[in-house]
Amino acid sequence: MIHKCKKQIFLVIAAAIVLTGCGSKVSTVSDTPGISSDIVSVEDIPDYSGEASVEVNDNEPYFTEEEKENTTSFESYSSLDSLGRWQIMWKRPIIMCCTG
């Protein structure tokens, strides 16, 4: 009797796990407002030449005008755990564009 109950509970839990995962939505970059989804091909990236930096896209950033004009930045931290560490940190830095 106990073995039968355990088996039924296991089947219910397994079914719940399978069914709850079916409706999950995968978020992509294109779903996120303010983030461009331009894709750079691996062939467009030059081979390593021994230099510390390399010019990409003729040294032109991919930022939109809206992204360049947004100068609002923030940092947000969660509460500390028992060891005094933050668990989650959100940061939006100011975008600095350097060209030329």
PDB file of N, CA and C in Angstrom:
ATOM      1  N   MET A   1       0.820  -1.197   0.000  1.00  0.00           N
ATOM      2  CA  MET A   1       0.000   0.000   0.000  1.00  0.00           C
ATOM      3  C   MET A   1       0.864   1.261   0.000  1.00  0.00           C
ATOM      4  N   ILE A   2       1.879   1.309   0.886  1.00  0.00           N
ATOM      5  CA  ILE A   2       2.755   2.482   0.963  1.00  0.00           C
ATOM      6  C   ILE A   2       3.534   2.633  -0.335  1.00  0.00           C
ATOM      7  N   HIS A   3       3.975   1.523  -0.907  1.00  0.00           N
ATOM      8  CA  HIS A   3       4.725   1.553  -2.163  1.00  0.00           C
ATOM      9  C   HIS A   3       3.865   2.137  -3.285  1.00  0.00           C
ATOM     10  N   LYS A   4       2.573   1.779  -3.303  1.00  0.00           N
ATOM     11  CA  LYS A   4       1.654   2.282  -4.323  1.00  0.00           C
ATOM     12  C   LYS A   4       1.456   3.794  -4.177  1.00  0.00           C
ATOM     13  N   CYS A   5       1.340   4.293  -2.946  1.00  0.00           N
ATOM     14  CA  CYS A   5       1.189   5.733  -2.699  1.00  0.00           C
ATOM     15  C   CYS A   5       2.428   6.493  -3.139  1.00  0.00           C
ATOM     16  N   LYS A   6       3.601   5.963  -2.825  1.00  0.00           N
ATOM     17  CA  LYS A   6       4.848   6.620  -3.229  1.00  0.00           C
ATOM     18  C   LYS A   6       4.941   6.699  -4.746  1.00  0.00           C
ATOM     19  N   LYS A   7       4.524   5.631  -5.419  1.00  0.00           N
ATOM     20  CA  LYS A   7       4.569   5.605  -6.880  1.00  0.00           C
ATOM     21  C   LYS A   7       3.619   6.648  -7.460  1.00  0.00           C
ATOM     22  N   GLN A   8       2.416   6.763  -6.889  1.00  0.00           N
ATOM     23  CA  GLN A   8       1.448   7.746  -7.366  1.00  0.00           C
ATOM     24  C   GLN A   8       1.947   9.171  -7.125  1.00  0.00           C
ATOM     25  N   ILE A   9       2.527   9.418  -5.965  1.00  0.00           N
ATOM     26  CA  ILE A   9       3.073  10.747  -5.665  1.00  0.00           C
ATOM     27  C   ILE A   9       4.198  11.081  -6.637  1.00  0.00           C
ATOM     28  N   PHE A  10       5.063  10.120  -6.904  1.00  0.00           N
ATOM     29  CA  PHE A  10       6.157  10.332  -7.851  1.00  0.00           C
ATOM     30  C   PHE A  10       5.615  10.680  -9.232  1.00  0.00           C
ATOM     31  N   LEU A  11       4.592   9.961  -9.698  1.00  0.00           N
ATOM     32  CA  LEU A  11       4.015  10.225 -11.016  1.00  0.00           C
ATOM     33  C   LEU A  11       3.370  11.610 -11.084  1.00  0.00           C
ATOM     34  N   VAL A  12       2.696  12.020 -10.014  1.00  0.00           N
ATOM     35  CA  VAL A  12       2.078  13.348  -9.979  1.00  0.00           C
ATOM     36  C   VAL A  12       3.149  14.436 -10.024  1.00  0.00           C
ATOM     37  N   ILE A  13       4.216  14.279  -9.253  1.00  0.00           N
ATOM     38  CA  ILE A  13       5.302  15.266  -9.245  1.00  0.00           C
ATOM     39  C   ILE A  13       5.990  15.308 -10.601  1.00  0.00           C
ATOM     40  N   ALA A  14       6.258  14.145 -11.198  1.00  0.00           N
ATOM     41  CA  ALA A  14       6.903  14.097 -12.510  1.00  0.00           C
ATOM     42  C   ALA A  14       6.033  14.772 -13.565  1.00  0.00           C
ATOM     43  N   ALA A  15       4.723  14.521 -13.529  1.00  0.00           N
ATOM     44  CA  ALA A  15       3.809  15.148 -14.484  1.00  0.00           C
ATOM     45  C   ALA A  15       3.782  16.661 -14.290  1.00  0.00           C
ATOM     46  N   ALA A  16       3.779  17.117 -13.045  1.00  0.00           N
ATOM     47  CA  ALA A  16       3.775  18.558 -12.767  1.00  0.00           C
ATOM     48  C   ALA A  16       5.037  19.221 -13.298  1.00  0.00           C
ATOM     49  N   ILE A  17       6.178  18.574 -13.126  1.00  0.00           N
ATOM     50  CA  ILE A  17       7.445  19.134 -13.620  1.00  0.00           C
ATOM     51  C   ILE A  17       7.421  19.241 -15.135  1.00  0.00           C
ATOM     52  N   VAL A  18       6.962  18.196 -15.799  1.00  0.00           N
ATOM     53  CA  VAL A  18       6.912  18.197 -17.264  1.00  0.00           C
ATOM     54  C   VAL A  18       5.939  19.252 -17.771  1.00  0.00           C
ATOM     55  N   LEU A  19       4.766  19.344 -17.178  1.00  0.00           N
ATOM     56  CA  LEU A  19       3.742  20.270 -17.657  1.00  0.00           C
ATOM     57  C   LEU A  19       4.081  21.728 -17.378  1.00  0.00           C
ATOM     58  N   THR A  20       4.732  22.038 -16.282  1.00  0.00           N
ATOM     59  CA  THR A  20       5.060  23.437 -15.990  1.00  0.00           C
ATOM     60  C   THR A  20       6.180  23.953 -16.870  1.00  0.00           C
ATOM     61  N   GLY A  21       7.026  23.108 -17.380  1.00  0.00           N
ATOM     62  CA  GLY A  21       8.109  23.543 -18.260  1.00  0.00           C
ATOM     63  C   GLY A  21       7.664  23.783 -19.683  1.00  0.00           C
ATOM     64  N   CYS A  22       6.486  23.299 -20.055  1.00  0.00           N
ATOM     65  CA  CYS A  22       6.030  23.404 -21.445  1.00  0.00           C
ATOM     66  C   CYS A  22       5.658  24.824 -21.842  1.00  0.00           C
ATOM     67  N   GLY A  23       5.188  25.639 -20.926  1.00  0.00           N
ATOM     68  CA  GLY A  23       4.719  26.964 -21.275  1.00  0.00           C
ATOM     69  C   GLY A  23       5.723  28.067 -21.029  1.00  0.00           C
ATOM     70  N   SER A  24       6.959  27.730 -20.703  1.00  0.00           N
ATOM     71  CA  SER A  24       7.926  28.773 -20.388  1.00  0.00           C
ATOM     72  C   SER A  24       8.355  29.504 -21.647  1.00  0.00           C
ATOM     73  N   LYS A  25       8.571  30.816 -21.517  1.00  0.00           N
ATOM     74  CA  LYS A  25       8.952  31.659 -22.645  1.00  0.00           C
ATOM     75  C   LYS A  25      10.439  31.931 -22.569  1.00  0.00           C
ATOM     76  N   VAL A  26      11.112  31.748 -23.677  1.00  0.00           N
ATOM     77  CA  VAL A  26      12.531  32.038 -23.750  1.00  0.00           C
ATOM     78  C   VAL A  26      12.681  33.482 -24.198  1.00  0.00           C
ATOM     79  N   SER A  27      13.378  34.281 -23.408  1.00  0.00           N
ATOM     80  CA  SER A  27      13.606  35.679 -23.739  1.00  0.00           C
ATOM     81  C   SER A  27      14.834  35.803 -24.621  1.00  0.00           C
ATOM     82  N   THR A  28      14.725  36.627 -25.638  1.00  0.00           N
ATOM     83  CA  THR A  28      15.860  36.866 -26.523  1.00  0.00           C
ATOM     84  C   THR A  28      16.244  38.328 -26.452  1.00  0.00           C
ATOM     85  N   VAL A  29      17.382  38.663 -27.025  1.00  0.00           N
ATOM     86  CA  VAL A  29      17.848  40.050 -27.027  1.00  0.00           C
ATOM     87  C   VAL A  29      16.842  40.939 -27.730  1.00  0.00           C
ATOM     88  N   SER A  30      16.230  40.440 -28.814  1.00  0.00           N
ATOM     89  CA  SER A  30      15.288  41.264 -29.562  1.00  0.00           C
ATOM     90  C   SER A  30      14.027  41.561 -28.759  1.00  0.00           C
ATOM     91  N   ASP A  31      13.725  40.750 -27.711  1.00  0.00           N
ATOM     92  CA  ASP A  31      12.574  41.004 -26.851  1.00  0.00           C
ATOM     93  C   ASP A  31      12.850  42.090 -25.820  1.00  0.00           C
ATOM     94  N   THR A  32      14.108  42.439 -25.618  1.00  0.00           N
ATOM     95  CA  THR A  32      14.490  43.373 -24.579  1.00  0.00           C
ATOM     96  C   THR A  32      14.549  44.785 -25.150  1.00  0.00           C
ATOM     97  N   PRO A  33      13.717  45.707 -24.637  1.00  0.00           N
ATOM     98  CA  PRO A  33      13.743  47.068 -25.166  1.00  0.00           C
ATOM     99  C   PRO A  33      15.072  47.752 -24.869  1.00  0.00           C
ATOM    100  N   GLY A  34      15.545  48.530 -25.831  1.00  0.00           N
ATOM    101  CA  GLY A  34      16.777  49.282 -25.645  1.00  0.00           C
ATOM    102  C   GLY A  34      18.033  48.511 -25.974  1.00  0.00           C
ATOM    103  N   ILE A  35      17.900  47.242 -26.349  1.00  0.00           N
ATOM    104  CA  ILE A  35      19.074  46.455 -26.711  1.00  0.00           C
ATOM    105  C   ILE A  35      18.941  46.061 -28.169  1.00  0.00           C
ATOM    106  N   SER A  36      19.907  46.469 -28.972  1.00  0.00           N
ATOM    107  CA  SER A  36      19.855  46.129 -30.386  1.00  0.00           C
ATOM    108  C   SER A  36      20.241  44.676 -30.577  1.00  0.00           C
ATOM    109  N   SER A  37      19.720  44.077 -31.630  1.00  0.00           N
ATOM    110  CA  SER A  37      19.976  42.659 -31.869  1.00  0.00           C
ATOM    111  C   SER A  37      20.797  42.447 -33.134  1.00  0.00           C
ATOM    112  N   ASP A  38      21.650  43.419 -33.494  1.00  0.00           N
ATOM    113  CA  ASP A  38      22.521  43.238 -34.647  1.00  0.00           C
ATOM    114  C   ASP A  38      23.443  42.062 -34.391  1.00  0.00           C
ATOM    115  N   ILE A  39      23.556  41.210 -35.380  1.00  0.00           N
ATOM    116  CA  ILE A  39      24.399  40.032 -35.244  1.00  0.00           C
ATOM    117  C   ILE A  39      25.648  40.231 -36.077  1.00  0.00           C
ATOM    118  N   VAL A  40      26.794  39.999 -35.461  1.00  0.00           N
ATOM    119  CA  VAL A  40      28.069  40.109 -36.150  1.00  0.00           C
ATOM    120  C   VAL A  40      28.532  38.704 -36.472  1.00  0.00           C
ATOM    121  N   SER A  41      28.871  38.484 -37.725  1.00  0.00           N
ATOM    122  CA  SER A  41      29.336  37.172 -38.152  1.00  0.00           C
ATOM    123  C   SER A  41      30.779  36.961 -37.712  1.00  0.00           C
ATOM    124  N   VAL A  42      31.135  35.724 -37.433  1.00  0.00           N
ATOM    125  CA  VAL A  42      32.504  35.392 -37.034  1.00  0.00           C
ATOM    126  C   VAL A  42      33.477  35.761 -38.150  1.00  0.00           C
ATOM    127  N   GLU A  43      33.038  35.641 -39.392  1.00  0.00           N
ATOM    128  CA  GLU A  43      33.900  35.982 -40.526  1.00  0.00           C
ATOM    129  C   GLU A  43      34.240  37.472 -40.563  1.00  0.00           C
ATOM    130  N   ASP A  44      33.389  38.326 -39.951  1.00  0.00           N
ATOM    131  CA  ASP A  44      33.632  39.770 -39.934  1.00  0.00           C
ATOM    132  C   ASP A  44      34.698  40.173 -38.925  1.00  0.00           C
ATOM    133  N   ILE A  45      35.043  39.294 -38.006  1.00  0.00           N
ATOM    134  CA  ILE A  45      36.039  39.603 -36.982  1.00  0.00           C
ATOM    135  C   ILE A  45      37.412  39.204 -37.500  1.00  0.00           C
ATOM    136  N   PRO A  46      38.362  40.144 -37.534  1.00  0.00           N
ATOM    137  CA  PRO A  46      39.695  39.832 -38.073  1.00  0.00           C
ATOM    138  C   PRO A  46      40.442  38.816 -37.213  1.00  0.00           C
ATOM    139  N   ASP A  47      41.361  38.078 -37.837  1.00  0.00           N
ATOM    140  CA  ASP A  47      42.207  37.131 -37.115  1.00  0.00           C
ATOM    141  C   ASP A  47      43.107  37.884 -36.147  1.00  0.00           C
ATOM    142  N   TYR A  48      43.542  37.196 -35.099  1.00  0.00           N
ATOM    143  CA  TYR A  48      44.438  37.791 -34.107  1.00  0.00           C
ATOM    144  C   TYR A  48      45.762  38.142 -34.773  1.00  0.00           C
ATOM    145  N   SER A  49      46.199  39.391 -34.586  1.00  0.00           N
ATOM    146  CA  SER A  49      47.426  39.862 -35.235  1.00  0.00           C
ATOM    147  C   SER A  49      48.529  40.161 -34.232  1.00  0.00           C
ATOM    148  N   GLY A  50      48.319  39.831 -32.964  1.00  0.00           N
ATOM    149  CA  GLY A  50      49.317  40.111 -31.946  1.00  0.00           C
ATOM    150  C   GLY A  50      49.104  41.451 -31.263  1.00  0.00           C
ATOM    151  N   GLU A  51      48.182  42.257 -31.742  1.00  0.00           N
ATOM    152  CA  GLU A  51      47.889  43.563 -31.151  1.00  0.00           C
ATOM    153  C   GLU A  51      46.877  43.407 -30.014  1.00  0.00           C
ATOM    154  N   ALA A  52      46.923  44.339 -29.057  1.00  0.00           N
ATOM    155  CA  ALA A  52      46.016  44.294 -27.908  1.00  0.00           C
ATOM    156  C   ALA A  52      44.591  44.677 -28.290  1.00  0.00           C
ATOM    157  N   SER A  53      44.424  45.436 -29.363  1.00  0.00           N
ATOM    158  CA  SER A  53      43.087  45.840 -29.790  1.00  0.00           C
ATOM    159  C   SER A  53      42.989  45.751 -31.307  1.00  0.00           C
ATOM    160  N   VAL A  54      41.768  45.744 -31.788  1.00  0.00           N
ATOM    161  CA  VAL A  54      41.531  45.659 -33.224  1.00  0.00           C
ATOM    162  C   VAL A  54      40.337  46.538 -33.568  1.00  0.00           C
ATOM    163  N   GLU A  55      40.381  47.186 -34.711  1.00  0.00           N
ATOM    164  CA  GLU A  55      39.287  48.040 -35.159  1.00  0.00           C
ATOM    165  C   GLU A  55      38.191  47.161 -35.747  1.00  0.00           C
ATOM    166  N   VAL A  56      36.967  47.374 -35.296  1.00  0.00           N
ATOM    167  CA  VAL A  56      35.813  46.623 -35.776  1.00  0.00           C
ATOM    168  C   VAL A  56      34.787  47.611 -36.299  1.00  0.00           C
ATOM    169  N   ASN A  57      34.120  47.285 -37.395  1.00  0.00           N
ATOM    170  CA  ASN A  57      33.065  48.124 -37.977  1.00  0.00           C
ATOM    171  C   ASN A  57      33.576  49.527 -38.297  1.00  0.00           C
ATOM    172  N   ASP A  58      34.776  49.611 -38.853  1.00  0.00           N
ATOM    173  CA  ASP A  58      35.400  50.904 -39.189  1.00  0.00           C
ATOM    174  C   ASP A  58      35.409  51.853 -37.998  1.00  0.00           C
ATOM    175  N   ASN A  59      35.515  51.294 -36.793  1.00  0.00           N
ATOM    176  CA  ASN A  59      35.576  52.048 -35.546  1.00  0.00           C
ATOM    177  C   ASN A  59      34.309  52.869 -35.287  1.00  0.00           C
ATOM    178  N   GLU A  60      33.176  52.396 -35.795  1.00  0.00           N
ATOM    179  CA  GLU A  60      31.888  53.046 -35.563  1.00  0.00           C
ATOM    180  C   GLU A  60      31.074  52.186 -34.595  1.00  0.00           C
ATOM    181  N   PRO A  61      30.597  52.755 -33.480  1.00  0.00           N
ATOM    182  CA  PRO A  61      29.813  51.962 -32.527  1.00  0.00           C
ATOM    183  C   PRO A  61      28.435  51.618 -33.095  1.00  0.00           C
ATOM    184  N   TYR A  62      27.831  50.588 -32.564  1.00  0.00           N
ATOM    185  CA  TYR A  62      26.504  50.146 -32.996  1.00  0.00           C
ATOM    186  C   TYR A  62      25.385  50.805 -32.201  1.00  0.00           C
ATOM    187  N   PHE A  63      25.682  51.791 -31.363  1.00  0.00           N
ATOM    188  CA  PHE A  63      24.664  52.423 -30.534  1.00  0.00           C
ATOM    189  C   PHE A  63      23.679  53.208 -31.387  1.00  0.00           C
ATOM    190  N   THR A  64      22.401  53.162 -31.004  1.00  0.00           N
ATOM    191  CA  THR A  64      21.395  53.987 -31.657  1.00  0.00           C
ATOM    192  C   THR A  64      21.505  55.405 -31.095  1.00  0.00           C
ATOM    193  N   GLU A  65      20.867  56.359 -31.760  1.00  0.00           N
ATOM    194  CA  GLU A  65      20.872  57.741 -31.259  1.00  0.00           C
ATOM    195  C   GLU A  65      20.206  57.811 -29.884  1.00  0.00           C
ATOM    196  N   GLU A  66      19.154  57.027 -29.692  1.00  0.00           N
ATOM    197  CA  GLU A  66      18.468  57.003 -28.395  1.00  0.00           C
ATOM    198  C   GLU A  66      19.408  56.516 -27.296  1.00  0.00           C
ATOM    199  N   GLU A  67      20.205  55.487 -27.583  1.00  0.00           N
ATOM    200  CA  GLU A  67      21.152  54.978 -26.599  1.00  0.00           C
ATOM    201  C   GLU A  67      22.243  56.006 -26.303  1.00  0.00           C
ATOM    202  N   LYS A  68      22.683  56.739 -27.311  1.00  0.00           N
ATOM    203  CA  LYS A  68      23.717  57.761 -27.107  1.00  0.00           C
ATOM    204  C   LYS A  68      23.208  58.920 -26.258  1.00  0.00           C
ATOM    205  N   GLU A  69      21.917  59.259 -26.394  1.00  0.00           N
ATOM    206  CA  GLU A  69      21.349  60.396 -25.667  1.00  0.00           C
ATOM    207  C   GLU A  69      20.974  60.052 -24.228  1.00  0.00           C
ATOM    208  N   ASN A  70      20.827  58.779 -23.916  1.00  0.00           N
ATOM    209  CA  ASN A  70      20.430  58.364 -22.575  1.00  0.00           C
ATOM    210  C   ASN A  70      21.648  58.415 -21.649  1.00  0.00           C
ATOM    211  N   THR A  71      21.641  59.350 -20.724  1.00  0.00           N
ATOM    212  CA  THR A  71      22.769  59.514 -19.804  1.00  0.00           C
ATOM    213  C   THR A  71      22.395  59.143 -18.372  1.00  0.00           C
ATOM    214  N   THR A  72      21.316  58.386 -18.211  1.00  0.00           N
ATOM    215  CA  THR A  72      20.873  57.969 -16.888  1.00  0.00           C
ATOM    216  C   THR A  72      21.549  56.656 -16.513  1.00  0.00           C
ATOM    217  N   SER A  73      22.189  56.639 -15.361  1.00  0.00           N
ATOM    218  CA  SER A  73      22.800  55.398 -14.888  1.00  0.00           C
ATOM    219  C   SER A  73      22.265  55.092 -13.494  1.00  0.00           C
ATOM    220  N   PHE A  74      22.389  53.838 -13.071  1.00  0.00           N
ATOM    221  CA  PHE A  74      21.955  53.468 -11.733  1.00  0.00           C
ATOM    222  C   PHE A  74      22.657  52.196 -11.298  1.00  0.00           C
ATOM    223  N   GLU A  75      22.655  51.971 -10.003  1.00  0.00           N
ATOM    224  CA  GLU A  75      23.103  50.720  -9.402  1.00  0.00           C
ATOM    225  C   GLU A  75      22.088  50.350  -8.339  1.00  0.00           C
ATOM    226  N   SER A  76      21.717  49.093  -8.277  1.00  0.00           N
ATOM    227  CA  SER A  76      20.739  48.620  -7.309  1.00  0.00           C
ATOM    228  C   SER A  76      21.237  47.303  -6.723  1.00  0.00           C
ATOM    229  N   TYR A  77      21.178  47.183  -5.404  1.00  0.00           N
ATOM    230  CA  TYR A  77      21.696  46.000  -4.729  1.00  0.00           C
ATOM    231  C   TYR A  77      20.598  45.329  -3.917  1.00  0.00           C
ATOM    232  N   SER A  78      20.657  44.005  -3.823  1.00  0.00           N
ATOM    233  CA  SER A  78      19.722  43.264  -2.979  1.00  0.00           C
ATOM    234  C   SER A  78      20.193  43.346  -1.529  1.00  0.00           C
ATOM    235  N   SER A  79      19.433  42.724  -0.655  1.00  0.00           N
ATOM    236  CA  SER A  79      19.859  42.681   0.745  1.00  0.00           C
ATOM    237  C   SER A  79      21.055  41.743   0.895  1.00  0.00           C
ATOM    238  N   LEU A  80      21.757  41.861   2.010  1.00  0.00           N
ATOM    239  CA  LEU A  80      22.950  41.053   2.251  1.00  0.00           C
ATOM    240  C   LEU A  80      22.575  39.678   2.788  1.00  0.00           C
ATOM    241  N   ASP A  81      23.383  38.667   2.429  1.00  0.00           N
ATOM    242  CA  ASP A  81      23.165  37.336   2.986  1.00  0.00           C
ATOM    243  C   ASP A  81      23.833  37.242   4.358  1.00  0.00           C
ATOM    244  N   SER A  82      23.853  36.053   4.945  1.00  0.00           N
ATOM    245  CA  SER A  82      24.391  35.888   6.302  1.00  0.00           C
ATOM    246  C   SER A  82      25.893  36.159   6.383  1.00  0.00           C
ATOM    247  N   LEU A  83      26.586  36.146   5.240  1.00  0.00           N
ATOM    248  CA  LEU A  83      28.022  36.438   5.220  1.00  0.00           C
ATOM    249  C   LEU A  83      28.326  37.875   4.795  1.00  0.00           C
ATOM    250  N   GLY A  84      27.271  38.691   4.649  1.00  0.00           N
ATOM    251  CA  GLY A  84      27.468  40.090   4.307  1.00  0.00           C
ATOM    252  C   GLY A  84      27.699  40.337   2.826  1.00  0.00           C
ATOM    253  N   ARG A  85      27.243  39.424   1.959  1.00  0.00           N
ATOM    254  CA  ARG A  85      27.427  39.576   0.515  1.00  0.00           C
ATOM    255  C   ARG A  85      26.100  39.938  -0.141  1.00  0.00           C
ATOM    256  N   TRP A  86      26.177  40.759  -1.213  1.00  0.00           N
ATOM    257  CA  TRP A  86      24.985  41.027  -2.001  1.00  0.00           C
ATOM    258  C   TRP A  86      24.692  39.812  -2.854  1.00  0.00           C
ATOM    259  N   GLN A  87      23.410  39.499  -3.023  1.00  0.00           N
ATOM    260  CA  GLN A  87      23.016  38.356  -3.843  1.00  0.00           C
ATOM    261  C   GLN A  87      22.784  38.762  -5.292  1.00  0.00           C
ATOM    262  N   ILE A  88      22.182  39.923  -5.515  1.00  0.00           N
ATOM    263  CA  ILE A  88      21.882  40.400  -6.865  1.00  0.00           C
ATOM    264  C   ILE A  88      22.304  41.854  -6.961  1.00  0.00           C
ATOM    265  N   MET A  89      22.899  42.203  -8.085  1.00  0.00           N
ATOM    266  CA  MET A  89      23.294  43.587  -8.330  1.00  0.00           C
ATOM    267  C   MET A  89      22.896  43.940  -9.750  1.00  0.00           C
ATOM    268  N   TRP A  90      22.170  45.031  -9.918  1.00  0.00           N
ATOM    269  CA  TRP A  90      21.790  45.530 -11.232  1.00  0.00           C
ATOM    270  C   TRP A  90      22.545  46.818 -11.475  1.00  0.00           C
ATOM    271  N   LYS A  91      23.059  46.990 -12.672  1.00  0.00           N
ATOM    272  CA  LYS A  91      23.813  48.200 -12.976  1.00  0.00           C
ATOM    273  C   LYS A  91      23.537  48.603 -14.409  1.00  0.00           C
ATOM    274  N   ARG A  92      23.352  49.887 -14.619  1.00  0.00           N
ATOM    275  CA  ARG A  92      23.235  50.424 -15.963  1.00  0.00           C
ATOM    276  C   ARG A  92      24.209  51.581 -16.057  1.00  0.00           C
ATOM    277  N   PRO A  93      25.350  51.338 -16.674  1.00  0.00           N
ATOM    278  CA  PRO A  93      26.342  52.410 -16.771  1.00  0.00           C
ATOM    279  C   PRO A  93      25.979  53.405 -17.861  1.00  0.00           C
ATOM    280  N   ILE A  94      26.582  54.568 -17.785  1.00  0.00           N
ATOM    281  CA  ILE A  94      26.453  55.545 -18.857  1.00  0.00           C
ATOM    282  C   ILE A  94      27.320  55.070 -20.009  1.00  0.00           C
ATOM    283  N   ILE A  95      26.768  55.079 -21.218  1.00  0.00           N
ATOM    284  CA  ILE A  95      27.510  54.636 -22.398  1.00  0.00           C
ATOM    285  C   ILE A  95      28.413  55.771 -22.864  1.00  0.00           C
ATOM    286  N   MET A  96      29.681  55.476 -22.982  1.00  0.00           N
ATOM    287  CA  MET A  96      30.646  56.450 -23.475  1.00  0.00           C
ATOM    288  C   MET A  96      31.043  56.040 -24.887  1.00  0.00           C
ATOM    289  N   CYS A  97      30.868  56.902 -25.848  1.00  0.00           N
ATOM    290  CA  CYS A  97      31.211  56.591 -27.237  1.00  0.00           C
ATOM    291  C   CYS A  97      32.535  57.254 -27.588  1.00  0.00           C
ATOM    292  N   CYS A  98      33.466  56.451 -27.996  1.00  0.00           N
ATOM    293  CA  CYS A  98      34.765  56.970 -28.426  1.00  0.00           C
ATOM    294  C   CYS A  98      35.010  56.486 -29.845  1.00  0.00           C
ATOM    295  N   THR A  99      35.118  57.388 -30.777  1.00  0.00           N
ATOM    296  CA  THR A  99      35.390  57.015 -32.166  1.00  0.00           C
ATOM    297  C   THR A  99      36.546  57.837 -32.685  1.00  0.00           C
ATOM    298  N   GLY A 100      37.192  57.280 -33.698  1.00  0.00           N
ATOM    299  CA  GLY A 100      38.246  58.031 -34.379  1.00  0.00           C
ATOM    300  C   GLY A 100      39.610  57.782 -33.889  1.00  0.00           C
TER     301      GLY A 100
END
